[in-house]
Structures are given as C-alpha cells and as structure tokens.
C-alpha atoms as a PDB file:
ATOM      1  CA  MET A   1      86.860 104.424 115.192  1.00  0.00           C
ATOM      2  CA  SER A   2      86.081 106.662 112.232  1.00  0.00           C
ATOM      3  CA  ALA A   3      84.811 105.457 108.886  1.00  0.00           C
ATOM      4  CA  PRO A   4      87.405 104.944 106.160  1.00  0.00           C
ATOM      5  CA  ALA A   5      87.976 107.886 103.848  1.00  0.00           C
ATOM      6  CA  PHE A   6      87.903 105.555 100.822  1.00  0.00           C
ATOM      7  CA  ASP A   7      85.530 103.034  99.319  1.00  0.00           C
ATOM      8  CA  ILE A   8      86.555  99.964  97.337  1.00  0.00           C
ATOM      9  CA  VAL A   9      85.340 100.230  93.743  1.00  0.00           C
ATOM     10  CA  SER A  10      86.902  96.966  92.583  1.00  0.00           C
ATOM     11  CA  LYS A  11      89.701  94.616  93.522  1.00  0.00           C
ATOM     12  CA  SER A  12      91.375  91.717  91.800  1.00  0.00           C
ATOM     13  CA  ARG A  13      94.757  90.053  91.724  1.00  0.00           C
ATOM     14  CA  ARG A  14      95.811  92.525  88.994  1.00  0.00           C
ATOM     15  CA  GLU A  15      94.517  95.870  90.303  1.00  0.00           C
ATOM     16  CA  VAL A  16      92.728  97.739  93.056  1.00  0.00           C
ATOM     17  CA  GLU A  17      90.432 100.681  92.373  1.00  0.00           C
ATOM     18  CA  ILE A  18      89.220 102.917  95.169  1.00  0.00           C
ATOM     19  CA  ALA A  19      87.329 106.206  95.470  1.00  0.00           C
ATOM     20  CA  HIS A  20      87.611 108.962  98.052  1.00  0.00           C
ATOM     21  CA  HIS A  21      84.379 108.770 100.025  1.00  0.00           C
ATOM     22  CA  ASP A  22      83.664 112.511 100.285  1.00  0.00           C
ATOM     23  CA  GLU A  23      85.434 114.021  97.273  1.00  0.00           C
ATOM     24  CA  GLY A  24      84.793 111.277  94.688  1.00  0.00           C
ATOM     25  CA  HIS A  25      88.313 111.101  93.245  1.00  0.00           C
ATOM     26  CA  ARG A  26      89.129 107.629  91.875  1.00  0.00           C
ATOM     27  CA  TYR A  27      92.503 105.910  92.117  1.00  0.00           C
ATOM     28  CA  LYS A  28      93.470 102.741  90.255  1.00  0.00           C
ATOM     29  CA  PHE A  29      96.575 100.836  91.366  1.00  0.00           C
ATOM     30  CA  SER A  30      98.002  98.030  89.239  1.00  0.00           C
ATOM     31  CA  VAL A  31      99.858  95.070  90.722  1.00  0.00           C
ATOM     32  CA  THR A  32     103.357  94.491  89.368  1.00  0.00           C
ATOM     33  CA  THR A  33     106.426  92.454  90.301  1.00  0.00           C
ATOM     34  CA  ASN A  34     109.450  94.254  91.730  1.00  0.00           C
ATOM     35  CA  GLY A  35     113.121  93.386  91.206  1.00  0.00           C
ATOM     36  CA  ALA A  36     113.028  90.920  94.096  1.00  0.00           C
ATOM     37  CA  GLY A  37     110.108  89.035  92.532  1.00  0.00           C
ATOM     38  CA  LYS A  38     107.507  90.267  95.023  1.00  0.00           C
ATOM     39  CA  ARG A  39     104.078  91.434  93.949  1.00  0.00           C
ATOM     40  CA  VAL A  40     103.647  95.123  94.851  1.00  0.00           C
ATOM     41  CA  LEU A  41     101.498  98.063  93.826  1.00  0.00           C
ATOM     42  CA  ALA A  42     102.977  99.847  90.805  1.00  0.00           C
ATOM     43  CA  ASP A  43     104.605 103.226  91.386  1.00  0.00           C
ATOM     44  CA  THR A  44     102.208 104.919  88.974  1.00  0.00           C
ATOM     45  CA  THR A  45      98.526 105.409  89.649  1.00  0.00           C
ATOM     46  CA  GLU A  46      95.620 106.087  87.317  1.00  0.00           C
ATOM     47  CA  THR A  47      93.741 108.989  88.864  1.00  0.00           C
ATOM     48  CA  VAL A  48      90.398 110.445  87.835  1.00  0.00           C
ATOM     49  CA  ALA A  49      89.586 113.743  89.515  1.00  0.00           C
ATOM     50  CA  ALA A  50      85.998 114.447  90.498  1.00  0.00           C
ATOM     51  CA  ALA A  51      84.752 117.661  88.901  1.00  0.00           C
ATOM     52  CA  ALA A  52      82.854 118.868  91.967  1.00  0.00           C
ATOM     53  CA  ALA A  53      85.628 118.114  94.487  1.00  0.00           C
ATOM     54  CA  LYS A  54      86.845 120.845  96.828  1.00  0.00           C
ATOM     55  CA  HIS A  55      90.448 119.583  96.832  1.00  0.00           C
ATOM     56  CA  PRO A  56      92.692 118.124  94.116  1.00  0.00           C
ATOM     57  CA  PRO A  57      93.260 114.347  94.102  1.00  0.00           C
ATOM     58  CA  GLU A  58      96.938 114.866  95.011  1.00  0.00           C
ATOM     59  CA  TRP A  59      95.853 115.869  98.531  1.00  0.00           C
ATOM     60  CA  TYR A  60      94.730 112.299  99.158  1.00  0.00           C
ATOM     61  CA  SER A  61      97.240 110.309  97.085  1.00  0.00           C
ATOM     62  CA  ALA A  62      99.372 109.090 100.029  1.00  0.00           C
ATOM     63  CA  SER A  63      96.286 108.016 101.979  1.00  0.00           C
ATOM     64  CA  ALA A  64      94.834 106.410  98.853  1.00  0.00           C
ATOM     65  CA  ARG A  65      98.013 104.349  98.360  1.00  0.00           C
ATOM     66  CA  ALA A  66      98.005 103.264 102.011  1.00  0.00           C
ATOM     67  CA  PHE A  67      94.353 102.204 101.811  1.00  0.00           C
ATOM     68  CA  ALA A  68      94.902 100.407  98.485  1.00  0.00           C
ATOM     69  CA  THR A  69      97.898  98.574  99.953  1.00  0.00           C
ATOM     70  CA  THR A  70      95.745  97.295 102.814  1.00  0.00           C
ATOM     71  CA  VAL A  71      93.005  96.212 100.399  1.00  0.00           C
ATOM     72  CA  ALA A  72      95.535  94.465  98.143  1.00  0.00           C
ATOM     73  CA  HIS A  73      97.121  92.636 101.089  1.00  0.00           C
ATOM     74  CA  ARG A  74      93.729  91.423 102.304  1.00  0.00           C
ATOM     75  CA  ALA A  75      92.914  90.219  98.778  1.00  0.00           C
ATOM     76  CA  HIS A  76      96.290  88.400  98.640  1.00  0.00           C
ATOM     77  CA  ALA A  77      97.115  90.396  95.499  1.00  0.00           C
ATOM     78  CA  ILE A  78     100.483  91.627  96.840  1.00  0.00           C
ATOM     79  CA  ASP A  79     103.179  90.073  99.029  1.00  0.00           C
END
C-alpha cells in the first residue's frame, strides 16, 4: 500500500484542512448542512497554491476532496 498523497493539517467538526504531501498545496474544506439536513463538505474550497509546486492545485482537487471526505467521516464531522 502506498503512502497517502495528502497530510492532515487540521480537522474539526467545522472544517478539514489538508496539504498535498509532495507539492505543498493546501486545501481547506468547510462543513455545511445540505438541503436534506445532512452535514457535508461545502462545494467551495479554500486553496492555497505552493509557490514551488510543479503542478497547479487544480490537478489534485478531486483527490484532495476524496481524502478530506474520508478524514471528515472518520472525525464524525459529516454524515
């Protein structure tokens, strides 16, 4: 099994912040409530691009969301 591409910077019941392990881009996902009353990650993401990165943060955004979703589920921050 390979190492995760992301590291957890911080996690709480209100947000999850992660960083791409190799590139250094940071992604912050807020927790919100959807129309059905379930806690989910917000559609928008705060992204901070690393200056020395080889690739733009958009390359990793889908993987970042998937990783953040797993982290948020494990922290019982989302339903």
